[in-house]
Protein backbone atom coordinates (compact mmCIF):
# COMPACT_ATOMS: atom_id res chain seq x y z
CA MET A 1 69.84 96.00 19.03
CA ASP A 2 71.57 97.65 16.05
CA THR A 3 75.28 98.46 15.88
CA THR A 4 74.80 102.14 16.76
CA THR A 5 72.81 101.29 19.87
CA GLN A 6 75.42 98.76 21.00
CA THR A 7 78.20 101.29 20.48
CA ASN A 8 76.33 103.94 22.45
CA ALA A 9 75.69 101.44 25.25
CA ARG A 10 79.37 100.51 25.42
CA THR A 11 80.32 104.18 25.42
CA THR A 12 77.90 104.92 28.25
CA GLN A 13 79.17 101.95 30.26
CA GLY A 14 82.76 103.01 29.63
CA GLU A 15 82.05 106.54 30.79
CA HIS A 16 80.33 105.16 33.89
CA ASP A 17 83.29 102.88 34.65
CA SER A 18 85.70 105.76 34.16
CA ARG A 19 83.76 108.01 36.53
CA TYR A 20 83.59 105.18 39.07
CA ARG A 21 87.37 104.63 38.90
CA LYS A 22 88.02 108.35 39.28
CA TYR A 23 85.64 108.52 42.23
CA THR A 24 87.25 105.46 43.84
CA TRP A 25 90.76 106.84 43.42
CA ARG A 26 89.61 110.19 44.77
CA ILE A 27 88.23 108.50 47.90
CA ILE A 28 91.41 106.44 48.25
CA THR A 29 93.57 109.56 47.86
CA ILE A 30 91.57 111.59 50.38
CA THR A 31 91.47 108.68 52.85
CA GLY A 32 95.18 108.10 52.41
CA PHE A 33 95.92 111.78 52.96
CA PHE A 34 93.97 111.92 56.21
CA ALA A 35 95.45 108.60 57.37
CA LEU A 36 98.96 109.86 56.70
CA ALA A 37 98.19 113.16 58.44
CA ALA A 38 96.81 111.30 61.47
CA LEU A 39 99.84 109.02 61.53
CA LEU A 40 102.28 111.95 61.40
CA PHE A 41 100.32 113.87 64.04
CA ASN A 42 100.26 110.89 66.39
CA ALA A 43 103.89 110.03 65.74
CA THR A 44 104.92 113.59 66.59
CA LEU A 45 102.97 113.66 69.87
CA ASP A 46 103.57 109.92 70.39
CA PRO A 47 101.03 109.48 73.22
CA LEU A 48 101.80 105.75 73.63
CA TRP A 49 105.60 106.15 73.36
CA TYR A 50 106.22 103.98 70.31
CA LEU A 51 109.02 106.34 69.30
CA LYS A 52 110.52 109.01 71.56
CA GLY A 53 107.49 110.50 73.27
CA ASN A 54 106.06 113.96 72.89
CA LEU A 55 108.34 116.03 70.66
CA ILE A 56 106.31 119.24 71.09
CA HIS A 57 106.72 120.13 74.76
CA GLY A 58 108.15 117.02 76.42
CA GLU A 59 105.23 116.20 78.70
CA ASN A 60 103.74 112.73 78.35
CA TYR A 61 100.46 111.93 80.05
CA SER A 62 99.42 108.64 81.59
CA PHE A 63 97.38 107.36 78.65
CA ASP A 64 97.07 103.55 78.64
CA GLU A 65 100.13 103.07 80.85
CA ARG A 66 99.87 99.30 80.53
CA LEU A 67 100.70 99.57 76.82
CA THR A 68 102.99 102.60 77.08
CA LYS A 69 105.17 101.05 79.77
CA THR A 70 105.54 97.94 77.62
CA ASN A 71 106.72 100.00 74.65
CA VAL A 72 109.31 101.81 76.77
CA PHE A 73 110.47 98.52 78.32
CA LEU A 74 111.07 97.05 74.85
CA GLU A 75 113.12 100.11 73.95
CA ARG A 76 115.38 99.67 77.00
CA GLU A 77 115.32 96.00 77.97
CA GLU A 78 118.87 95.24 76.82
CA GLN A 79 120.27 97.65 79.42
CA LEU A 80 118.07 96.56 82.35
CA ASP A 81 118.72 94.25 85.29
CA CYS A 82 116.00 95.46 87.66
CA ILE A 83 112.23 95.84 87.45
CA ILE A 84 109.75 97.76 89.61
CA PHE A 85 106.06 96.88 89.91
CA GLY A 86 103.37 98.98 91.53
CA SER A 87 100.42 101.32 91.17
CA SER A 88 100.29 105.04 90.38
CA ARG A 89 101.78 105.69 93.84
CA VAL A 90 104.97 104.01 92.62
CA THR A 91 105.13 105.81 89.25
CA LEU A 92 106.68 108.80 91.03
CA LEU A 93 109.69 106.75 92.17
CA HIS A 94 112.73 107.94 90.20
CA GLU A 95 114.16 104.62 89.01
CA THR A 96 117.39 106.04 87.60
CA LYS A 97 118.42 107.16 91.10
CA ILE A 98 118.58 103.55 92.31
CA LYS A 99 122.23 102.60 92.63
CA ASN A 100 124.00 99.41 91.50
CA ASN A 101 121.16 98.42 89.16
CA THR A 102 119.53 99.71 86.01
CA CYS A 103 115.86 99.63 86.87
CA PHE A 104 112.70 100.03 84.83
CA ASN A 105 109.61 101.37 86.58
CA PHE A 106 106.75 99.21 85.29
CA ALA A 107 104.19 100.74 87.68
CA PHE A 108 100.86 101.92 86.30
CA SER A 109 97.57 103.33 87.53
CA GLY A 110 95.56 100.96 89.69
CA GLY A 111 98.13 98.20 89.33
CA ARG A 112 97.04 94.92 90.91
CA VAL A 113 99.30 92.07 91.99
CA LEU A 114 97.67 89.68 89.46
CA GLU A 115 98.77 92.11 86.76
CA PHE A 116 102.31 92.10 88.09
CA ILE A 117 102.33 88.32 87.87
CA ALA A 118 101.12 88.46 84.25
CA TYR A 119 103.75 91.04 83.32
CA ALA A 120 106.38 88.96 85.12
CA ASP A 121 105.46 86.01 82.90
CA TRP A 122 105.66 88.28 79.86
CA VAL A 123 109.16 89.62 80.60
CA LYS A 124 110.39 86.12 81.50
CA ALA A 125 109.06 84.81 78.17
CA ARG A 126 111.37 87.36 76.52
CA GLY A 127 114.32 85.96 78.47
CA PHE A 128 114.49 88.83 80.97
CA GLU A 129 115.78 87.67 84.37
CA PRO A 130 116.30 90.66 86.68
CA ALA A 131 118.87 90.68 89.44
CA ARG A 132 116.57 92.86 91.51
CA VAL A 133 112.79 93.17 91.82
CA ILE A 134 111.07 95.98 93.71
CA VAL A 135 107.34 95.82 94.39
CA GLY A 136 105.15 98.60 95.70
CA LEU A 137 102.41 97.08 97.83
CA ASP A 138 99.09 98.89 98.10
CA ASP A 139 96.44 98.30 100.74
CA PHE A 140 93.73 97.87 98.09
CA ASN A 141 95.39 94.65 96.94
CA TYR A 142 94.06 93.06 100.14
CA TRP A 143 90.45 94.02 99.44
CA GLU A 144 87.74 91.70 98.25
CA ASP A 145 87.41 93.56 94.99
CA GLU A 146 86.56 92.25 91.53
CA ARG A 147 89.44 94.32 90.13
CA ASN A 148 91.81 92.19 92.18
CA ASP A 149 90.43 89.00 90.62
CA ALA A 150 89.76 90.33 87.13
CA PRO A 151 92.22 93.17 86.44
CA ARG A 152 92.70 94.82 83.05
CA ILE A 153 95.46 92.71 81.55
CA PRO A 154 96.03 93.30 77.80
CA GLU A 155 95.63 90.23 75.60
CA PHE A 156 99.14 90.54 74.21
CA ILE A 157 100.48 90.20 77.76
CA THR A 158 98.48 87.08 78.61
CA GLU A 159 99.28 85.58 75.20
CA LEU A 160 103.00 86.45 75.58
CA ARG A 161 103.03 88.39 72.30
CA ASN A 162 104.51 91.71 71.22
CA PRO A 163 102.25 94.73 71.75
CA PRO A 164 100.10 96.02 68.87
CA SER A 165 102.07 97.77 66.15
CA LEU A 166 102.43 101.53 65.83
CA LEU A 167 100.28 101.54 62.67
CA THR A 168 97.52 99.62 64.42
CA GLN A 169 97.38 102.10 67.28
CA TYR A 170 98.19 105.40 65.58
CA LEU A 171 95.45 105.14 62.97
CA THR A 172 92.74 105.11 65.65
CA ARG A 173 90.40 107.77 66.96
CA ASP A 174 91.59 107.15 70.53
CA ALA A 175 95.19 107.95 69.60
CA LEU A 176 94.08 111.16 67.89
CA ALA A 177 92.20 112.16 71.04
CA PHE A 178 95.28 111.43 73.16
CA SER A 179 97.51 113.45 70.84
CA TYR A 180 95.12 116.37 70.79
CA ARG A 181 95.05 116.45 74.59
CA LEU A 182 98.84 116.43 74.63
CA LEU A 183 98.95 119.25 72.09
CA ILE A 184 96.69 121.52 74.14
CA GLN A 185 98.17 120.25 77.43
CA ASP A 186 94.84 119.01 78.70
CA GLU A 187 95.83 116.67 81.54
CA LEU A 188 93.22 115.57 84.05
CA ARG A 189 95.76 114.19 86.52
CA PRO A 190 98.63 115.92 88.32
CA ARG A 191 101.01 113.14 87.27
CA TYR A 192 102.87 113.08 83.98
CA TYR A 193 106.09 111.67 82.49
CA ASP A 194 108.93 113.90 81.38
CA GLN A 195 111.05 113.55 78.23
CA ASP A 196 113.08 110.79 79.93
CA PHE A 197 109.87 109.00 80.94
CA ILE A 198 110.37 109.75 84.63
CA GLY A 199 107.23 110.32 86.70
CA GLN A 200 106.67 113.95 87.71
CA VAL A 201 103.94 116.13 89.20
CA GLN A 202 102.65 119.25 87.49
CA ALA A 203 104.09 122.47 88.92
CA GLY A 204 101.53 124.36 91.00
CA THR A 205 99.56 121.25 91.95
CA PRO A 206 97.66 122.06 95.18
CA THR A 207 98.69 120.13 98.26
CA PHE A 208 96.46 117.77 100.22
CA GLN A 209 93.63 119.31 102.21
CA PRO A 210 92.31 116.55 104.50
CA LYS A 211 88.72 116.37 105.58
CA THR A 212 87.33 114.77 108.69
CA PRO A 213 87.85 111.06 107.93
CA GLU A 214 84.93 108.66 107.85
CA LEU A 215 85.26 104.92 108.31
CA ILE A 216 84.88 103.17 104.97
CA PRO A 217 84.28 99.44 105.57
CA VAL A 218 85.74 97.08 102.99
CA ASP A 219 85.86 93.30 102.82
CA VAL A 220 89.33 91.76 102.92
CA ASN A 221 90.56 88.49 101.46
CA PRO A 222 93.52 86.67 103.08
CA ASN A 223 94.07 84.65 99.88
CA HIS A 224 95.50 87.73 98.17
CA ILE A 225 98.66 87.34 100.28
CA ASN A 226 99.66 84.24 98.33
CA ARG A 227 99.71 86.22 95.11
CA TYR A 228 102.74 88.13 96.31
CA LYS A 229 104.40 84.81 97.05
CA THR A 230 103.61 83.71 93.48
CA LEU A 231 105.20 86.91 92.18
CA ARG A 232 108.26 86.30 94.29
CA GLU A 233 108.56 82.76 92.90
CA LYS A 234 108.65 84.12 89.35
CA PHE A 235 112.11 85.53 90.11
CA PRO A 236 113.70 83.09 92.57
CA ASN A 237 117.25 84.35 91.99
CA ALA A 238 116.47 88.07 92.27
CA HIS A 239 116.84 90.23 95.34
CA PHE A 240 113.17 90.78 96.16
CA THR A 241 112.15 94.00 97.92
CA VAL A 242 108.61 95.00 98.85
CA TYR A 243 107.76 98.45 100.11
CA ILE A 244 104.52 100.17 101.07
CA PRO A 245 104.38 103.71 99.66
CA PRO A 246 103.67 106.61 102.04
CA LEU A 247 100.04 107.09 102.99
CA SER A 248 98.51 110.04 104.79
CA PRO A 249 97.41 109.18 108.34
CA TRP A 250 94.05 110.75 107.47
CA GLU A 251 93.68 107.99 104.88
CA LEU A 252 94.65 105.35 107.45
CA MET A 253 91.92 106.67 109.75
CA LYS A 254 89.34 105.59 107.17
CA LYS A 255 90.17 101.93 107.87
CA THR A 256 88.02 99.88 110.20
CA ASP A 257 89.76 97.96 112.99
CA GLU A 258 89.18 94.73 111.06
CA GLU A 259 90.82 96.05 107.91
CA LEU A 260 93.71 97.60 109.81
CA GLN A 261 94.44 94.37 111.67
CA HIS A 262 94.32 92.41 108.42
CA TYR A 263 96.59 94.98 106.77
CA LEU A 264 99.24 94.58 109.45
CA SER A 265 98.98 90.77 109.60
CA ALA A 266 99.23 90.50 105.82
CA ASN A 267 102.31 92.71 105.77
CA ILE A 268 104.01 90.42 108.31
CA GLU A 269 103.10 87.33 106.28
CA ILE A 270 104.52 88.80 103.08
CA SER A 271 107.70 89.98 104.82
CA ARG A 272 108.57 86.34 105.55
CA PHE A 273 109.32 85.55 101.90
CA THR A 274 110.97 88.83 100.91
CA ASP A 275 114.59 89.86 101.18
CA THR A 276 113.62 93.28 102.50
CA PHE A 277 110.23 94.82 103.32
CA PHE A 278 109.78 98.51 104.15
CA ASP A 279 106.58 100.14 105.35
CA PHE A 280 106.47 103.89 104.71
CA SER A 281 102.75 104.12 105.48
CA ILE A 282 103.26 104.30 109.26
CA PRO A 283 102.36 107.78 110.56
CA SER A 284 105.53 109.85 110.70
CA GLU A 285 106.76 113.40 110.19
CA LEU A 286 107.00 112.55 106.51
CA THR A 287 103.40 111.39 106.02
CA GLN A 288 101.79 113.84 108.46
CA ASN A 289 102.93 116.87 106.48
CA ASN A 290 100.17 117.55 103.96
CA ALA A 291 102.57 119.61 101.86
CA ASN A 292 104.26 116.36 100.86
CA THR A 293 101.24 114.94 99.02
CA TYR A 294 98.59 116.24 96.67
CA ASP A 295 95.80 113.83 97.64
CA GLY A 296 96.92 111.76 100.62
CA ASP A 297 97.80 108.79 98.39
CA HIS A 298 100.40 110.18 95.99
CA PHE A 299 103.49 111.84 97.43
CA PHE A 300 105.68 114.27 95.52
CA PRO A 301 108.91 113.07 93.86
CA ALA A 302 111.06 114.66 96.57
CA VAL A 303 109.41 112.37 99.13
CA ASN A 304 109.97 109.37 96.88
CA ASP A 305 113.66 110.27 96.86
CA HIS A 306 113.70 109.34 100.56
CA ILE A 307 112.42 105.90 99.57
CA VAL A 308 115.12 105.61 96.91
CA ALA A 309 117.73 106.46 99.53
CA VAL A 310 116.52 103.58 101.70
CA LEU A 311 116.47 101.23 98.71
CA ASN A 312 120.08 102.30 98.14
CA GLY A 313 120.99 101.16 101.65
CA GLU A 314 120.88 104.43 103.55
CA PRO A 315 119.49 104.40 107.13
CA LEU A 316 115.73 104.23 107.49
CA GLN A 317 114.35 107.40 109.09
CA TYR A 318 110.65 107.59 108.30
CA GLY A 319 109.17 104.11 108.21
CA LEU A 320 109.64 100.56 109.45
CA ARG A 321 111.60 97.63 108.14
CA VAL A 322 108.92 94.99 108.61
CA ASP A 323 111.15 91.94 108.09
CA ALA A 324 113.42 93.13 110.92
CA HIS A 325 110.57 93.25 113.47
CA THR A 326 108.63 90.62 115.32
CA GLU A 327 104.93 90.63 114.55
CA HIS A 328 104.20 92.05 117.99
CA ASN A 329 106.74 94.87 117.67
CA TYR A 330 105.63 95.82 114.18
CA ARG A 331 101.94 95.80 115.07
CA SER A 332 102.35 97.73 118.34
CA THR A 333 104.73 100.30 116.82
CA PHE A 334 102.38 100.99 113.93
CA LEU A 335 99.22 101.18 116.05
CA ASN A 336 100.87 103.38 118.66
CA ALA A 337 102.00 105.79 115.96
CA LEU A 338 98.47 105.93 114.55
CA GLU A 339 96.92 106.44 118.00
CA ASN A 340 99.36 109.24 118.76
CA PHE A 341 98.41 110.93 115.53
CA LYS A 342 94.71 110.58 116.27
CA ARG A 343 95.23 112.23 119.65
CA THR A 344 97.26 115.15 118.43
CA GLU A 345 96.84 115.50 114.64
CA ALA A 346 99.60 118.06 115.08
CA ALA A 347 103.01 116.46 114.88
CA VAL A 348 105.86 118.72 113.77
CA PRO A 349 105.86 118.53 109.97
CA LEU A 350 108.93 117.54 108.03
CA SER A 351 109.67 120.12 105.39
CA ILE A 352 110.33 118.58 101.97
CA LYS A 353 111.45 120.95 99.27
CA ARG A 354 109.68 120.16 96.04
CA GLU A 355 111.94 119.94 93.02
CA GLN A 356 111.35 122.46 90.28
CA GLN A 357 109.60 120.81 87.35
């Protein structure tokens, strides 16, 4: 190859390399621009509450509550001395209204007791020792259900690590989808969190319209009772309160006799190792009024304020203190209330004024 040919070849290769570098930098620039735009968009809507939540209109939806609640806990843990565990029924409990303690509501959708144990280990690993623990107990935790034995516990919780970083989460397609739904206010559930991360219900949510109940047989597992004892043992020095959230009597009527008897027996067993145990699921004026709930399972914040009042030491009006009853009294009182409801289905409703959202 003569000198001219070699020079031309080097020139061609140089031009090719130059075009390749320009193309590469163009791709990097475009990718970086879109990544930065996605990051800013997600940080502004903040669907997983890494910063201060939704800065656009203040509503925060229940996206990945198991991660979101962890982020909010980390933001506030230095001021806390009380923790609340539970399912979505408990998310509507206004924790800042609880007196004499600074509580954090760690409840999330479908929360199972095995998850509460895992999160208890996680907060203890951080040195958090609450003076008070409040646990919402749901009937489905007694079921023979694979979700009770294999719940959705994030790896960072089981491995006692910090949650994934903001950059890791806010450069994902899922986060963009969450943020977009926040932007257009596309919420599939009535529940949301306000700018202070307090559980609320969307204004205008229709109230519960019960249908003729049908028995829904489920298998129960008595071994699940011991899991609440394990949770209690995680915080031996804390005042340990368990409460059963309100439940529509129409929902109770779906239980078979076997499940109902197990439900009551399990509640008595658990009450023996708690400091206080309240059952708000017994049929009462509170639970029989369909205007107090939007689906029979989730009761409006104003109803949850009655629970807060009891947790603050005010007299119990609509429910039972299980640990203050003998097994016979508790069982008979509950079953009599349910039978009375079945006979009448027309008790005088208790009017609860819903707070303006």
